[in-house]
Amino acid sequence: MKILTVFIADDHPVYREGLARNWEAVPQIKVVGSAGDGRSALAAIRKLKPDVAVMDLKLPELDGMQVLELLFAEGSPTNVLVLTAYMDRTTVYRAFAHGARGFLEKAASFGEITDAVLQVGAGGTVIAPFAQDVLARELRTRQDTPEKPVLSSREVEILRLAADGHSGQKIAGELHISLATVKTHLQHIYEKLDVSDRASAVAQAIRRGFLH
């Protein structure tokens, strides 16, 4: 019998510890770690490479979506099961577009969550009924919407500097343009990549081959 290694990322310690404690009685699952913030979760998942990461999207420092996007861009072997109270169609779509293998509500029973972990760990996909509906609606909406243009050479240049940790002011100085122009380019980048911040933009750009 294969034992799945599982990591838990949730900002509520009682919920996080409750899952870990209950899984002590499940022989197929071994919890190898947990974290209450996204930055710690990302570092631990990179190091431990668990079979499954059970991840809330509402995490401090780095949110769960950012962690998911970065792991996906890096080609992480860890399968991610999103366990969240946030269920709008854009969130569900983004999660699956960035490698999530499962999406459940936090209100799911312990048995349902356990079954989902086992399925995801075996390479399957788990989509809660509510997520199936909103995902289908989002796919239909996107099918009717023309694809956004690729990044311009200037946008790639700005994103590359942002990926290197440069501030907006430093990017402006490097490229001899105003800070306002940098901010405008970044906003266009976010819109084209369908993200809302630098970390997500960098992860998306890597995944799509704009950055190497």
N, C-alpha and C. Protein backbone atom coordinates (compact mmCIF):
# COMPACT_ATOMS: atom_id res chain seq x y z
N MET A 1 0.84 -1.20 0.00
CA MET A 1 0.00 0.00 0.00
C MET A 1 0.87 1.25 0.00
N LYS A 2 0.64 2.12 -0.99
CA LYS A 2 1.41 3.36 -1.07
C LYS A 2 0.92 4.35 -0.02
N ILE A 3 1.85 4.95 0.69
CA ILE A 3 1.51 5.98 1.66
C ILE A 3 1.76 7.35 1.03
N LEU A 4 0.72 8.19 1.01
CA LEU A 4 0.84 9.51 0.43
C LEU A 4 1.36 10.51 1.45
N THR A 5 2.37 11.27 1.05
CA THR A 5 2.84 12.35 1.91
C THR A 5 2.02 13.60 1.61
N VAL A 6 1.56 14.26 2.67
CA VAL A 6 0.63 15.38 2.52
C VAL A 6 1.13 16.58 3.33
N PHE A 7 1.02 17.76 2.72
CA PHE A 7 1.35 19.01 3.39
C PHE A 7 0.07 19.85 3.48
N ILE A 8 -0.14 20.51 4.61
CA ILE A 8 -1.35 21.32 4.82
C ILE A 8 -0.98 22.79 4.92
N ALA A 9 -1.63 23.63 4.10
CA ALA A 9 -1.41 25.08 4.16
C ALA A 9 -2.75 25.76 4.44
N ASP A 10 -2.89 26.26 5.66
CA ASP A 10 -4.14 26.93 6.05
C ASP A 10 -3.81 27.90 7.18
N ASP A 11 -4.42 29.08 7.14
CA ASP A 11 -4.08 30.09 8.14
C ASP A 11 -4.84 29.92 9.46
N HIS A 12 -5.75 28.96 9.53
CA HIS A 12 -6.47 28.70 10.78
C HIS A 12 -5.84 27.49 11.48
N PRO A 13 -5.11 27.72 12.57
CA PRO A 13 -4.40 26.61 13.23
C PRO A 13 -5.31 25.48 13.69
N VAL A 14 -6.51 25.81 14.17
CA VAL A 14 -7.41 24.76 14.66
C VAL A 14 -7.83 23.85 13.50
N TYR A 15 -8.15 24.45 12.36
CA TYR A 15 -8.55 23.65 11.19
C TYR A 15 -7.38 22.83 10.69
N ARG A 16 -6.21 23.47 10.60
CA ARG A 16 -4.99 22.81 10.11
C ARG A 16 -4.63 21.62 10.99
N GLU A 17 -4.63 21.87 12.29
CA GLU A 17 -4.25 20.81 13.24
C GLU A 17 -5.31 19.71 13.30
N GLY A 18 -6.57 20.10 13.09
CA GLY A 18 -7.65 19.10 13.10
C GLY A 18 -7.50 18.11 11.96
N LEU A 19 -7.17 18.61 10.77
CA LEU A 19 -6.94 17.72 9.63
C LEU A 19 -5.77 16.77 9.92
N ALA A 20 -4.67 17.35 10.39
CA ALA A 20 -3.48 16.53 10.67
C ALA A 20 -3.77 15.46 11.71
N ARG A 21 -4.50 15.83 12.75
CA ARG A 21 -4.80 14.88 13.82
C ARG A 21 -5.70 13.75 13.31
N ASN A 22 -6.72 14.11 12.54
CA ASN A 22 -7.63 13.09 12.02
C ASN A 22 -6.93 12.15 11.04
N TRP A 23 -5.97 12.68 10.29
CA TRP A 23 -5.28 11.83 9.32
C TRP A 23 -4.29 10.87 9.97
N GLU A 24 -4.03 11.06 11.26
CA GLU A 24 -3.17 10.10 11.96
C GLU A 24 -3.81 8.71 11.97
N ALA A 25 -5.15 8.68 11.84
CA ALA A 25 -5.86 7.40 11.86
C ALA A 25 -6.08 6.84 10.45
N VAL A 26 -5.55 7.52 9.45
CA VAL A 26 -5.70 7.05 8.06
C VAL A 26 -4.35 6.50 7.60
N PRO A 27 -4.22 5.18 7.47
CA PRO A 27 -2.92 4.58 7.17
C PRO A 27 -2.32 4.97 5.83
N GLN A 28 -3.16 5.40 4.87
CA GLN A 28 -2.64 5.75 3.54
C GLN A 28 -2.05 7.15 3.50
N ILE A 29 -2.23 7.93 4.57
CA ILE A 29 -1.81 9.33 4.55
C ILE A 29 -0.82 9.62 5.67
N LYS A 30 0.27 10.30 5.30
CA LYS A 30 1.25 10.75 6.28
C LYS A 30 1.45 12.26 6.11
N VAL A 31 1.07 13.03 7.12
CA VAL A 31 1.25 14.47 7.07
C VAL A 31 2.71 14.79 7.38
N VAL A 32 3.38 15.44 6.44
CA VAL A 32 4.82 15.71 6.60
C VAL A 32 5.12 17.15 7.01
N GLY A 33 4.07 17.97 7.08
CA GLY A 33 4.30 19.35 7.48
C GLY A 33 3.07 20.20 7.28
N SER A 34 3.11 21.41 7.83
CA SER A 34 2.00 22.34 7.66
C SER A 34 2.52 23.76 7.82
N ALA A 35 1.74 24.72 7.34
CA ALA A 35 2.13 26.12 7.45
C ALA A 35 0.88 26.99 7.48
N GLY A 36 1.02 28.16 8.10
CA GLY A 36 -0.11 29.07 8.22
C GLY A 36 0.00 30.26 7.30
N ASP A 37 1.06 30.34 6.49
CA ASP A 37 1.19 31.44 5.54
C ASP A 37 1.79 30.90 4.23
N GLY A 38 1.54 31.65 3.16
CA GLY A 38 1.94 31.19 1.84
C GLY A 38 3.43 31.10 1.62
N ARG A 39 4.16 32.04 2.19
CA ARG A 39 5.61 32.04 1.97
C ARG A 39 6.25 30.80 2.60
N SER A 40 5.84 30.49 3.83
CA SER A 40 6.37 29.30 4.50
C SER A 40 5.93 28.02 3.79
N ALA A 41 4.67 28.03 3.33
CA ALA A 41 4.16 26.86 2.62
C ALA A 41 4.95 26.60 1.35
N LEU A 42 5.22 27.65 0.59
CA LEU A 42 5.96 27.51 -0.67
C LEU A 42 7.35 26.94 -0.41
N ALA A 43 8.04 27.49 0.58
CA ALA A 43 9.39 27.02 0.90
C ALA A 43 9.38 25.55 1.33
N ALA A 44 8.39 25.18 2.15
CA ALA A 44 8.32 23.80 2.65
C ALA A 44 7.97 22.82 1.54
N ILE A 45 7.03 23.20 0.67
CA ILE A 45 6.64 22.31 -0.43
C ILE A 45 7.81 22.12 -1.39
N ARG A 46 8.55 23.19 -1.65
CA ARG A 46 9.73 23.07 -2.51
C ARG A 46 10.74 22.09 -1.91
N LYS A 47 10.89 22.13 -0.59
CA LYS A 47 11.90 21.29 0.08
C LYS A 47 11.41 19.85 0.24
N LEU A 48 10.17 19.68 0.70
CA LEU A 48 9.66 18.35 1.06
C LEU A 48 9.12 17.58 -0.14
N LYS A 49 8.65 18.32 -1.17
CA LYS A 49 8.05 17.69 -2.35
C LYS A 49 7.01 16.62 -1.98
N PRO A 50 6.00 17.02 -1.19
CA PRO A 50 4.97 16.04 -0.81
C PRO A 50 4.16 15.59 -2.03
N ASP A 51 3.50 14.45 -1.89
CA ASP A 51 2.65 13.97 -2.98
C ASP A 51 1.48 14.92 -3.20
N VAL A 52 0.91 15.41 -2.09
CA VAL A 52 -0.26 16.28 -2.17
C VAL A 52 -0.09 17.46 -1.22
N ALA A 53 -0.46 18.65 -1.69
CA ALA A 53 -0.55 19.82 -0.82
C ALA A 53 -2.01 20.22 -0.74
N VAL A 54 -2.55 20.24 0.46
CA VAL A 54 -3.93 20.69 0.69
C VAL A 54 -3.83 22.17 1.03
N MET A 55 -4.37 23.03 0.17
CA MET A 55 -4.08 24.46 0.29
C MET A 55 -5.32 25.35 0.27
N ASP A 56 -5.41 26.18 1.29
CA ASP A 56 -6.41 27.25 1.29
C ASP A 56 -5.91 28.36 0.38
N LEU A 57 -6.82 29.10 -0.23
CA LEU A 57 -6.39 30.21 -1.09
C LEU A 57 -6.19 31.49 -0.29
N LYS A 58 -6.80 31.58 0.87
CA LYS A 58 -6.71 32.79 1.69
C LYS A 58 -5.57 32.61 2.69
N LEU A 59 -4.36 32.95 2.26
CA LEU A 59 -3.18 32.83 3.12
C LEU A 59 -2.48 34.18 3.21
N PRO A 60 -1.90 34.51 4.37
CA PRO A 60 -1.13 35.75 4.47
C PRO A 60 0.22 35.64 3.75
N GLU A 61 0.81 36.79 3.50
CA GLU A 61 2.12 36.93 2.83
C GLU A 61 2.02 36.59 1.34
N LEU A 62 1.97 35.33 0.99
CA LEU A 62 1.64 34.92 -0.38
C LEU A 62 0.30 34.19 -0.30
N ASP A 63 -0.66 34.58 -1.15
CA ASP A 63 -1.92 33.84 -1.07
C ASP A 63 -1.78 32.49 -1.78
N GLY A 64 -2.76 31.63 -1.55
CA GLY A 64 -2.68 30.28 -2.08
C GLY A 64 -2.59 30.23 -3.59
N MET A 65 -3.25 31.16 -4.27
CA MET A 65 -3.19 31.18 -5.74
C MET A 65 -1.78 31.50 -6.22
N GLN A 66 -1.11 32.42 -5.55
CA GLN A 66 0.26 32.75 -5.93
C GLN A 66 1.18 31.54 -5.71
N VAL A 67 0.99 30.84 -4.60
CA VAL A 67 1.79 29.64 -4.34
C VAL A 67 1.54 28.61 -5.43
N LEU A 68 0.27 28.41 -5.76
CA LEU A 68 -0.09 27.45 -6.81
C LEU A 68 0.55 27.82 -8.14
N GLU A 69 0.49 29.09 -8.51
CA GLU A 69 1.05 29.54 -9.79
C GLU A 69 2.57 29.34 -9.84
N LEU A 70 3.24 29.65 -8.74
CA LEU A 70 4.70 29.50 -8.70
C LEU A 70 5.10 28.02 -8.78
N LEU A 71 4.40 27.17 -8.05
CA LEU A 71 4.69 25.73 -8.10
C LEU A 71 4.46 25.19 -9.52
N PHE A 72 3.39 25.65 -10.16
CA PHE A 72 3.07 25.19 -11.51
C PHE A 72 4.15 25.64 -12.50
N ALA A 73 4.57 26.90 -12.36
CA ALA A 73 5.60 27.43 -13.26
C ALA A 73 6.92 26.69 -13.10
N GLU A 74 7.19 26.22 -11.88
CA GLU A 74 8.44 25.51 -11.61
C GLU A 74 8.38 24.02 -11.97
N GLY A 75 7.18 23.54 -12.33
CA GLY A 75 7.04 22.13 -12.64
C GLY A 75 7.10 21.25 -11.41
N SER A 76 6.58 21.74 -10.29
CA SER A 76 6.60 20.97 -9.04
C SER A 76 5.87 19.64 -9.19
N PRO A 77 6.42 18.57 -8.59
CA PRO A 77 5.76 17.26 -8.67
C PRO A 77 4.57 17.12 -7.72
N THR A 78 4.38 18.10 -6.85
CA THR A 78 3.31 18.05 -5.85
C THR A 78 1.96 18.36 -6.48
N ASN A 79 0.99 17.50 -6.24
CA ASN A 79 -0.38 17.73 -6.71
C ASN A 79 -1.11 18.56 -5.66
N VAL A 80 -1.79 19.61 -6.10
CA VAL A 80 -2.42 20.53 -5.17
C VAL A 80 -3.93 20.34 -5.14
N LEU A 81 -4.46 20.17 -3.93
CA LEU A 81 -5.90 20.14 -3.69
C LEU A 81 -6.28 21.45 -3.03
N VAL A 82 -7.03 22.28 -3.73
CA VAL A 82 -7.48 23.55 -3.17
C VAL A 82 -8.67 23.29 -2.26
N LEU A 83 -8.60 23.81 -1.05
CA LEU A 83 -9.66 23.64 -0.06
C LEU A 83 -9.99 25.04 0.45
N THR A 84 -11.10 25.60 0.00
CA THR A 84 -11.33 27.03 0.24
C THR A 84 -12.80 27.37 0.34
N ALA A 85 -13.06 28.55 0.86
CA ALA A 85 -14.43 29.07 0.92
C ALA A 85 -14.70 30.00 -0.27
N TYR A 86 -13.67 30.27 -1.07
CA TYR A 86 -13.79 31.20 -2.20
C TYR A 86 -14.07 30.41 -3.47
N MET A 87 -15.21 30.71 -4.11
CA MET A 87 -15.66 29.84 -5.18
C MET A 87 -16.18 30.58 -6.41
N ASP A 88 -15.74 31.83 -6.63
CA ASP A 88 -16.18 32.51 -7.84
C ASP A 88 -15.54 31.85 -9.05
N ARG A 89 -16.15 32.07 -10.22
CA ARG A 89 -15.74 31.30 -11.40
C ARG A 89 -14.33 31.61 -11.85
N THR A 90 -13.88 32.87 -11.69
CA THR A 90 -12.52 33.22 -12.10
C THR A 90 -11.50 32.48 -11.23
N THR A 91 -11.78 32.40 -9.93
CA THR A 91 -10.88 31.71 -9.01
C THR A 91 -10.77 30.22 -9.36
N VAL A 92 -11.92 29.60 -9.61
CA VAL A 92 -11.91 28.17 -9.96
C VAL A 92 -11.13 27.95 -11.25
N TYR A 93 -11.39 28.80 -12.25
CA TYR A 93 -10.70 28.66 -13.54
C TYR A 93 -9.19 28.84 -13.36
N ARG A 94 -8.79 29.89 -12.64
CA ARG A 94 -7.36 30.16 -12.45
C ARG A 94 -6.67 29.02 -11.73
N ALA A 95 -7.37 28.45 -10.74
CA ALA A 95 -6.77 27.34 -9.99
C ALA A 95 -6.46 26.17 -10.91
N PHE A 96 -7.41 25.77 -11.74
CA PHE A 96 -7.17 24.63 -12.64
C PHE A 96 -6.22 24.99 -13.77
N ALA A 97 -6.25 26.24 -14.21
CA ALA A 97 -5.32 26.67 -15.26
C ALA A 97 -3.89 26.64 -14.76
N HIS A 98 -3.71 26.72 -13.45
CA HIS A 98 -2.36 26.73 -12.88
C HIS A 98 -2.04 25.44 -12.13
N GLY A 99 -2.66 24.36 -12.57
CA GLY A 99 -2.20 23.05 -12.12
C GLY A 99 -2.92 22.41 -10.96
N ALA A 100 -3.95 23.04 -10.40
CA ALA A 100 -4.68 22.39 -9.30
C ALA A 100 -5.26 21.07 -9.79
N ARG A 101 -5.23 20.06 -8.94
CA ARG A 101 -5.80 18.77 -9.30
C ARG A 101 -7.13 18.52 -8.59
N GLY A 102 -7.49 19.43 -7.70
CA GLY A 102 -8.76 19.28 -7.00
C GLY A 102 -9.22 20.60 -6.44
N PHE A 103 -10.54 20.74 -6.27
CA PHE A 103 -11.11 21.98 -5.74
C PHE A 103 -12.31 21.60 -4.90
N LEU A 104 -12.21 21.85 -3.59
CA LEU A 104 -13.29 21.52 -2.65
C LEU A 104 -13.61 22.71 -1.77
N GLU A 105 -14.84 22.74 -1.28
CA GLU A 105 -15.22 23.73 -0.28
C GLU A 105 -14.68 23.31 1.08
N LYS A 106 -14.37 24.30 1.92
CA LYS A 106 -13.90 23.97 3.27
C LYS A 106 -15.01 23.32 4.09
N ALA A 107 -16.24 23.54 3.66
CA ALA A 107 -17.38 22.95 4.37
C ALA A 107 -17.51 21.45 4.10
N ALA A 108 -16.69 20.91 3.20
CA ALA A 108 -16.74 19.47 2.90
C ALA A 108 -16.43 18.66 4.16
N SER A 109 -16.97 17.47 4.23
CA SER A 109 -16.73 16.62 5.40
C SER A 109 -15.30 16.08 5.38
N PHE A 110 -14.85 15.61 6.53
CA PHE A 110 -13.49 15.05 6.61
C PHE A 110 -13.35 13.87 5.66
N GLY A 111 -14.41 13.06 5.56
CA GLY A 111 -14.38 11.91 4.65
C GLY A 111 -14.23 12.33 3.20
N GLU A 112 -14.94 13.39 2.81
CA GLU A 112 -14.85 13.89 1.43
C GLU A 112 -13.45 14.43 1.14
N ILE A 113 -12.89 15.14 2.12
CA ILE A 113 -11.54 15.70 1.93
C ILE A 113 -10.52 14.57 1.83
N THR A 114 -10.67 13.58 2.67
CA THR A 114 -9.75 12.43 2.65
C THR A 114 -9.83 11.70 1.32
N ASP A 115 -11.05 11.44 0.84
CA ASP A 115 -11.21 10.78 -0.45
C ASP A 115 -10.57 11.60 -1.57
N ALA A 116 -10.72 12.93 -1.49
CA ALA A 116 -10.14 13.80 -2.51
C ALA A 116 -8.63 13.74 -2.49
N VAL A 117 -8.04 13.74 -1.29
CA VAL A 117 -6.58 13.64 -1.17
C VAL A 117 -6.09 12.33 -1.80
N LEU A 118 -6.78 11.24 -1.53
CA LEU A 118 -6.37 9.94 -2.07
C LEU A 118 -6.50 9.92 -3.60
N GLN A 119 -7.56 10.52 -4.13
CA GLN A 119 -7.73 10.57 -5.59
C GLN A 119 -6.68 11.45 -6.26
N VAL A 120 -6.47 12.63 -5.67
CA VAL A 120 -5.47 13.55 -6.23
C VAL A 120 -4.08 12.93 -6.14
N GLY A 121 -3.79 12.27 -5.02
CA GLY A 121 -2.49 11.63 -4.84
C GLY A 121 -2.25 10.50 -5.82
N ALA A 122 -3.34 9.90 -6.31
CA ALA A 122 -3.23 8.82 -7.29
C ALA A 122 -3.23 9.34 -8.72
N GLY A 123 -3.21 10.68 -8.87
CA GLY A 123 -3.16 11.27 -10.20
C GLY A 123 -4.50 11.66 -10.77
N GLY A 124 -5.55 11.53 -9.95
CA GLY A 124 -6.89 11.88 -10.42
C GLY A 124 -7.20 13.36 -10.23
N THR A 125 -8.39 13.73 -10.65
CA THR A 125 -8.87 15.10 -10.50
C THR A 125 -10.19 15.09 -9.76
N VAL A 126 -10.32 16.02 -8.81
CA VAL A 126 -11.55 16.11 -8.02
C VAL A 126 -12.11 17.52 -8.15
N ILE A 127 -13.34 17.61 -8.63
CA ILE A 127 -13.99 18.92 -8.75
C ILE A 127 -15.34 18.84 -8.06
N ALA A 128 -15.51 19.63 -7.00
CA ALA A 128 -16.79 19.66 -6.30
C ALA A 128 -17.89 20.11 -7.25
N PRO A 129 -19.13 19.66 -7.04
CA PRO A 129 -20.22 20.03 -7.95
C PRO A 129 -20.34 21.53 -8.19
N PHE A 130 -20.21 22.35 -7.14
CA PHE A 130 -20.33 23.80 -7.32
C PHE A 130 -19.23 24.29 -8.25
N ALA A 131 -18.02 23.71 -8.13
CA ALA A 131 -16.89 24.15 -8.94
C ALA A 131 -17.08 23.73 -10.40
N GLN A 132 -17.70 22.59 -10.62
CA GLN A 132 -17.97 22.14 -11.99
C GLN A 132 -18.86 23.15 -12.72
N ASP A 133 -19.89 23.62 -12.01
CA ASP A 133 -20.82 24.58 -12.61
C ASP A 133 -20.14 25.90 -12.95
N VAL A 134 -19.41 26.46 -11.98
CA VAL A 134 -18.79 27.77 -12.23
C VAL A 134 -17.65 27.66 -13.24
N LEU A 135 -16.95 26.52 -13.25
CA LEU A 135 -15.88 26.33 -14.22
C LEU A 135 -16.46 26.25 -15.64
N ALA A 136 -17.56 25.55 -15.78
CA ALA A 136 -18.20 25.44 -17.09
C ALA A 136 -18.65 26.82 -17.59
N ARG A 137 -19.20 27.63 -16.70
CA ARG A 137 -19.63 28.98 -17.10
C ARG A 137 -18.44 29.84 -17.52
N GLU A 138 -17.36 29.74 -16.78
CA GLU A 138 -16.17 30.54 -17.10
C GLU A 138 -15.57 30.10 -18.44
N LEU A 139 -15.54 28.80 -18.68
CA LEU A 139 -15.00 28.31 -19.96
C LEU A 139 -15.84 28.80 -21.13
N ARG A 140 -17.16 28.82 -20.94
CA ARG A 140 -18.04 29.32 -22.02
C ARG A 140 -17.78 30.81 -22.25
N THR A 141 -17.62 31.57 -21.17
CA THR A 141 -17.36 33.00 -21.28
C THR A 141 -16.05 33.26 -22.02
N ARG A 142 -15.00 32.53 -21.66
CA ARG A 142 -13.69 32.72 -22.27
C ARG A 142 -13.69 32.28 -23.72
N GLN A 143 -14.50 31.29 -24.05
CA GLN A 143 -14.58 30.81 -25.43
C GLN A 143 -15.14 31.90 -26.34
N ASP A 144 -16.00 32.74 -25.77
CA ASP A 144 -16.62 33.82 -26.55
C ASP A 144 -15.80 35.10 -26.54
N THR A 145 -14.67 35.08 -25.81
CA THR A 145 -13.84 36.28 -25.69
C THR A 145 -12.56 36.11 -26.48
N PRO A 146 -12.19 37.04 -27.37
CA PRO A 146 -10.95 36.91 -28.14
C PRO A 146 -9.73 36.82 -27.22
N GLU A 147 -8.73 36.09 -27.64
CA GLU A 147 -7.51 35.97 -26.85
C GLU A 147 -6.80 37.31 -26.73
N LYS A 148 -6.22 37.52 -25.58
CA LYS A 148 -5.49 38.77 -25.37
C LYS A 148 -4.13 38.70 -26.09
N PRO A 149 -3.63 39.84 -26.55
CA PRO A 149 -2.37 39.84 -27.29
C PRO A 149 -1.19 39.41 -26.40
N VAL A 150 -0.13 38.99 -27.05
CA VAL A 150 1.07 38.61 -26.30
C VAL A 150 1.76 39.86 -25.79
N LEU A 151 2.71 39.65 -24.90
CA LEU A 151 3.44 40.78 -24.33
C LEU A 151 4.37 41.42 -25.36
N SER A 152 4.46 42.73 -25.30
CA SER A 152 5.39 43.45 -26.17
C SER A 152 6.80 43.28 -25.63
N SER A 153 7.79 43.61 -26.44
CA SER A 153 9.19 43.49 -26.01
C SER A 153 9.47 44.37 -24.80
N ARG A 154 8.85 45.57 -24.75
CA ARG A 154 9.04 46.46 -23.61
C ARG A 154 8.42 45.87 -22.35
N GLU A 155 7.26 45.26 -22.50
CA GLU A 155 6.59 44.64 -21.34
C GLU A 155 7.41 43.47 -20.81
N VAL A 156 7.98 42.69 -21.71
CA VAL A 156 8.84 41.58 -21.28
C VAL A 156 10.06 42.11 -20.54
N GLU A 157 10.63 43.18 -21.05
CA GLU A 157 11.80 43.80 -20.42
C GLU A 157 11.47 44.26 -19.00
N ILE A 158 10.33 44.91 -18.84
CA ILE A 158 9.91 45.39 -17.52
C ILE A 158 9.63 44.21 -16.59
N LEU A 159 8.98 43.19 -17.10
CA LEU A 159 8.66 42.02 -16.27
C LEU A 159 9.92 41.28 -15.85
N ARG A 160 10.92 41.24 -16.74
CA ARG A 160 12.18 40.58 -16.39
C ARG A 160 12.87 41.32 -15.24
N LEU A 161 12.86 42.64 -15.28
CA LEU A 161 13.46 43.42 -14.19
C LEU A 161 12.66 43.25 -12.90
N ALA A 162 11.33 43.19 -13.03
CA ALA A 162 10.49 42.97 -11.86
C ALA A 162 10.78 41.60 -11.25
N ALA A 163 11.00 40.61 -12.10
CA ALA A 163 11.32 39.26 -11.62
C ALA A 163 12.65 39.23 -10.87
N ASP A 164 13.55 40.13 -11.24
CA ASP A 164 14.84 40.22 -10.56
C ASP A 164 14.76 41.00 -9.26
N GLY A 165 13.56 41.44 -8.90
CA GLY A 165 13.36 42.13 -7.63
C GLY A 165 13.49 43.64 -7.67
N HIS A 166 13.58 44.21 -8.86
CA HIS A 166 13.71 45.67 -8.99
C HIS A 166 12.40 46.36 -8.62
N SER A 167 12.48 47.45 -7.92
CA SER A 167 11.31 48.26 -7.62
C SER A 167 10.87 49.01 -8.87
N GLY A 168 9.66 49.58 -8.82
CA GLY A 168 9.19 50.35 -9.96
C GLY A 168 10.11 51.51 -10.27
N GLN A 169 10.62 52.17 -9.23
CA GLN A 169 11.50 53.30 -9.42
C GLN A 169 12.82 52.87 -10.08
N LYS A 170 13.32 51.71 -9.65
CA LYS A 170 14.58 51.22 -10.20
C LYS A 170 14.41 50.80 -11.66
N ILE A 171 13.25 50.20 -11.97
CA ILE A 171 12.97 49.82 -13.36
C ILE A 171 12.93 51.08 -14.23
N ALA A 172 12.28 52.12 -13.71
CA ALA A 172 12.20 53.38 -14.44
C ALA A 172 13.59 53.94 -14.73
N GLY A 173 14.47 53.88 -13.73
CA GLY A 173 15.83 54.37 -13.91
C GLY A 173 16.61 53.55 -14.90
N GLU A 174 16.45 52.24 -14.83
CA GLU A 174 17.18 51.34 -15.74
C GLU A 174 16.79 51.58 -17.20
N LEU A 175 15.49 51.84 -17.43
CA LEU A 175 14.98 51.96 -18.80
C LEU A 175 14.83 53.41 -19.25
N HIS A 176 15.17 54.33 -18.34
CA HIS A 176 15.09 55.76 -18.66
C HIS A 176 13.68 56.19 -19.05
N ILE A 177 12.71 55.70 -18.28
CA ILE A 177 11.32 56.10 -18.47
C ILE A 177 10.76 56.53 -17.12
N SER A 178 9.58 57.12 -17.11
CA SER A 178 9.00 57.59 -15.86
C SER A 178 8.39 56.44 -15.06
N LEU A 179 8.24 56.65 -13.75
CA LEU A 179 7.61 55.65 -12.89
C LEU A 179 6.17 55.41 -13.33
N ALA A 180 5.49 56.48 -13.74
CA ALA A 180 4.10 56.34 -14.20
C ALA A 180 4.01 55.42 -15.41
N THR A 181 5.00 55.52 -16.30
CA THR A 181 5.02 54.66 -17.50
C THR A 181 5.23 53.21 -17.10
N VAL A 182 6.11 52.98 -16.12
CA VAL A 182 6.34 51.62 -15.62
C VAL A 182 5.05 51.04 -15.06
N LYS A 183 4.34 51.84 -14.26
CA LYS A 183 3.09 51.37 -13.66
C LYS A 183 2.04 51.04 -14.72
N THR A 184 2.00 51.87 -15.76
CA THR A 184 1.06 51.62 -16.86
C THR A 184 1.39 50.32 -17.57
N HIS A 185 2.68 50.09 -17.84
CA HIS A 185 3.09 48.84 -18.48
C HIS A 185 2.74 47.64 -17.60
N LEU A 186 3.00 47.75 -16.31
CA LEU A 186 2.68 46.65 -15.40
C LEU A 186 1.19 46.35 -15.39
N GLN A 187 0.39 47.39 -15.41
CA GLN A 187 -1.06 47.17 -15.42
C GLN A 187 -1.50 46.47 -16.70
N HIS A 188 -0.89 46.84 -17.83
CA HIS A 188 -1.20 46.16 -19.09
C HIS A 188 -0.77 44.70 -19.04
N ILE A 189 0.38 44.45 -18.42
CA ILE A 189 0.86 43.07 -18.26
C ILE A 189 -0.13 42.26 -17.45
N TYR A 190 -0.59 42.82 -16.32
CA TYR A 190 -1.55 42.11 -15.46
C TYR A 190 -2.82 41.76 -16.24
N GLU A 191 -3.29 42.73 -17.02
CA GLU A 191 -4.52 42.50 -17.79
C GLU A 191 -4.33 41.41 -18.84
N LYS A 192 -3.19 41.43 -19.52
CA LYS A 192 -2.93 40.43 -20.56
C LYS A 192 -2.76 39.03 -19.98
N LEU A 193 -2.14 38.95 -18.81
CA LEU A 193 -1.88 37.64 -18.21
C LEU A 193 -2.98 37.21 -17.25
N ASP A 194 -3.98 38.07 -17.06
CA ASP A 194 -5.12 37.77 -16.19
C ASP A 194 -4.67 37.50 -14.75
N VAL A 195 -3.82 38.41 -14.24
CA VAL A 195 -3.33 38.31 -12.87
C VAL A 195 -3.50 39.67 -12.20
N SER A 196 -3.15 39.73 -10.90
CA SER A 196 -3.37 40.99 -10.18
C SER A 196 -2.13 41.50 -9.45
N ASP A 197 -1.00 40.81 -9.59
CA ASP A 197 0.19 41.26 -8.87
C ASP A 197 1.45 40.75 -9.57
N ARG A 198 2.60 41.25 -9.11
CA ARG A 198 3.88 40.93 -9.78
C ARG A 198 4.24 39.45 -9.71
N ALA A 199 4.08 38.87 -8.51
CA ALA A 199 4.48 37.46 -8.36
C ALA A 199 3.70 36.56 -9.31
N SER A 200 2.40 36.81 -9.41
CA SER A 200 1.57 36.01 -10.31
C SER A 200 1.93 36.27 -11.77
N ALA A 201 2.24 37.53 -12.09
CA ALA A 201 2.62 37.88 -13.46
C ALA A 201 3.91 37.16 -13.86
N VAL A 202 4.87 37.14 -12.96
CA VAL A 202 6.14 36.46 -13.24
C VAL A 202 5.91 34.97 -13.44
N ALA A 203 5.09 34.36 -12.56
CA ALA A 203 4.81 32.93 -12.68
C ALA A 203 4.13 32.61 -14.01
N GLN A 204 3.16 33.45 -14.40
CA GLN A 204 2.45 33.24 -15.66
C GLN A 204 3.40 33.41 -16.85
N ALA A 205 4.25 34.44 -16.78
CA ALA A 205 5.17 34.71 -17.87
C ALA A 205 6.15 33.56 -18.07
N ILE A 206 6.60 32.97 -16.97
CA ILE A 206 7.50 31.81 -17.05
C ILE A 206 6.76 30.65 -17.70
N ARG A 207 5.52 30.41 -17.25
CA ARG A 207 4.74 29.29 -17.77
C ARG A 207 4.49 29.44 -19.27
N ARG A 208 4.25 30.67 -19.72
CA ARG A 208 3.92 30.89 -21.13
C ARG A 208 5.16 31.09 -22.00
N GLY A 209 6.33 31.07 -21.37
CA GLY A 209 7.55 31.15 -22.15
C GLY A 209 8.04 32.55 -22.44
N PHE A 210 7.46 33.57 -21.80
CA PHE A 210 7.94 34.94 -22.01
C PHE A 210 9.26 35.17 -21.28
N LEU A 211 9.41 34.49 -20.13
CA LEU A 211 10.66 34.61 -19.35
C LEU A 211 11.30 33.24 -19.26
N HIS A 212 12.61 33.20 -19.30
CA HIS A 212 13.32 31.90 -19.26
C HIS A 212 14.31 31.88 -18.10
